[in-house]
Amino acid sequence: MRKILAGFLLLGVSSSYAYTTIDPNSIMFKCSGAVINAKITESDIKTKCKNASESITDDVKDGHNSTHVSGGGADQIQDDDESVTDNQFDTWYFTNDANQKMKCYFKNHKYVKCKVSQ
């Protein structure tokens, strides 16, 4: 009996952290009246959503050295191609008006997708 109860408890805890991708045209989710959909900006999330926090990841392309200190040396890397662009990936974690935990992903400050905790 204890094993069954422990199994249900574990299932409930693990499913509480599951996220579901929302429809980018949805109007179901809001933060202070701002609809969370494909048109939302990082600024809207920061200013209108509760408990908003950001995680930033940079994707540095070949031929770039983001930590290079000028002066040369053995670790100096030259830009091989002027058209190479670096990418920045932002993940915003926040709580919407219905007190659901959400996270939204942005690439170079453009909306990619949002997920809601189920």
Protein backbone atom coordinates (compact mmCIF):
# COMPACT_ATOMS: atom_id res chain seq x y z
CA MET A 1 0.00 0.00 0.00
CA ARG A 2 2.83 2.39 0.84
CA LYS A 3 4.51 1.67 -2.50
CA ILE A 4 1.33 2.55 -4.39
CA LEU A 5 0.91 5.76 -2.40
CA ALA A 6 4.56 6.67 -2.97
CA GLY A 7 4.12 5.98 -6.70
CA PHE A 8 1.12 8.33 -6.95
CA LEU A 9 2.95 10.99 -4.96
CA LEU A 10 6.00 10.73 -7.23
CA LEU A 11 3.79 10.91 -10.33
CA GLY A 12 2.05 14.03 -9.00
CA VAL A 13 5.33 15.77 -8.19
CA SER A 14 6.96 14.93 -11.53
CA SER A 15 3.92 16.01 -13.55
CA SER A 16 3.71 19.34 -11.74
CA TYR A 17 6.86 20.44 -13.58
CA ALA A 18 5.64 19.48 -17.06
CA TYR A 19 5.25 22.29 -19.59
CA THR A 20 3.01 22.37 -22.65
CA THR A 21 3.72 24.54 -25.69
CA ILE A 22 0.94 27.07 -26.26
CA ASP A 23 -0.64 28.05 -29.57
CA PRO A 24 1.21 31.17 -30.82
CA ASN A 25 -2.16 32.73 -31.79
CA SER A 26 -3.75 32.01 -28.41
CA ILE A 27 -5.47 34.70 -26.37
CA MET A 28 -5.94 32.48 -23.31
CA PHE A 29 -2.87 33.63 -21.39
CA LYS A 30 -2.33 37.18 -20.17
CA CYS A 31 -0.06 39.28 -17.98
CA SER A 32 -1.66 42.50 -16.70
CA GLY A 33 -3.91 42.53 -19.76
CA ALA A 34 -1.10 41.86 -22.28
CA VAL A 35 -1.86 38.74 -24.32
CA ILE A 36 0.94 36.19 -24.34
CA ASN A 37 1.23 35.11 -27.96
CA ALA A 38 3.64 35.44 -30.91
CA LYS A 39 3.47 39.25 -30.68
CA ILE A 40 4.67 39.55 -27.08
CA THR A 41 8.03 41.16 -26.48
CA GLU A 42 10.64 40.59 -23.81
CA SER A 43 9.93 44.09 -22.52
CA ASP A 44 6.23 43.22 -22.05
CA ILE A 45 7.12 40.12 -20.06
CA LYS A 46 9.60 42.05 -17.91
CA THR A 47 7.20 44.87 -17.07
CA LYS A 48 3.80 43.16 -17.00
CA CYS A 49 4.32 39.62 -15.70
CA LYS A 50 4.82 38.54 -12.09
CA ASN A 51 8.13 37.02 -10.95
CA ALA A 52 9.79 37.59 -14.34
CA SER A 53 13.38 36.43 -14.62
CA GLU A 54 15.63 35.97 -17.62
CA SER A 55 18.26 33.42 -18.62
CA ILE A 56 20.59 34.42 -21.48
CA THR A 57 22.73 32.08 -23.59
CA ASP A 58 25.05 33.28 -26.34
CA ASP A 59 25.85 31.08 -29.33
CA VAL A 60 29.18 32.30 -30.67
CA LYS A 61 29.79 31.21 -34.25
CA ASP A 62 33.09 29.89 -35.69
CA GLY A 63 35.66 32.56 -36.36
CA HIS A 64 34.65 34.67 -33.34
CA ASN A 65 36.17 34.74 -29.89
CA SER A 66 33.87 36.56 -27.50
CA THR A 67 36.45 36.56 -24.68
CA HIS A 68 39.43 37.65 -26.77
CA VAL A 69 41.51 40.42 -25.23
CA SER A 70 43.26 42.63 -27.75
CA GLY A 71 47.02 42.26 -27.94
CA GLY A 72 47.31 39.07 -29.93
CA GLY A 73 48.98 35.93 -28.76
CA ALA A 74 48.63 32.26 -29.49
CA ASP A 75 44.89 32.22 -28.80
CA GLN A 76 44.03 35.09 -31.11
CA ILE A 77 41.21 34.25 -33.53
CA GLN A 78 40.55 36.24 -36.67
CA ASP A 79 37.09 36.77 -38.09
CA ASP A 80 37.05 34.47 -41.11
CA ASP A 81 33.81 35.78 -42.53
CA GLU A 82 32.24 39.20 -42.06
CA SER A 83 28.75 37.74 -42.61
CA VAL A 84 28.95 35.45 -39.56
CA THR A 85 26.38 36.46 -36.93
CA ASP A 86 26.20 35.43 -33.31
CA ASN A 87 22.91 34.32 -31.79
CA GLN A 88 21.49 35.20 -28.40
CA PHE A 89 18.91 32.90 -26.85
CA ASP A 90 16.77 34.29 -24.03
CA THR A 91 14.44 32.27 -21.82
CA TRP A 92 11.96 34.19 -19.66
CA TYR A 93 10.36 32.54 -16.63
CA PHE A 94 7.27 34.21 -15.13
CA THR A 95 3.79 33.80 -13.68
CA ASN A 96 0.73 34.86 -15.70
CA ASP A 97 -2.52 36.42 -14.44
CA ALA A 98 -4.01 32.98 -13.72
CA ASN A 99 -1.00 32.16 -11.49
CA GLN A 100 0.34 29.60 -13.98
CA LYS A 101 4.09 29.32 -14.38
CA MET A 102 5.25 30.01 -17.92
CA LYS A 103 8.44 30.26 -19.92
CA CYS A 104 8.99 31.94 -23.27
CA TYR A 105 11.91 31.54 -25.63
CA PHE A 106 13.40 34.29 -27.81
CA LYS A 107 16.17 34.11 -30.41
CA ASN A 108 17.91 37.44 -31.06
CA HIS A 109 15.01 39.14 -29.23
CA LYS A 110 12.38 37.60 -31.53
CA TYR A 111 9.63 35.30 -30.23
CA VAL A 112 10.19 31.56 -30.74
CA LYS A 113 7.62 29.86 -28.45
CA CYS A 114 6.02 29.90 -25.02
CA LYS A 115 5.14 27.06 -22.67
CA VAL A 116 2.78 26.84 -19.70
CA SER A 117 3.07 24.60 -16.65
CA GLN A 118 0.40 21.91 -16.47
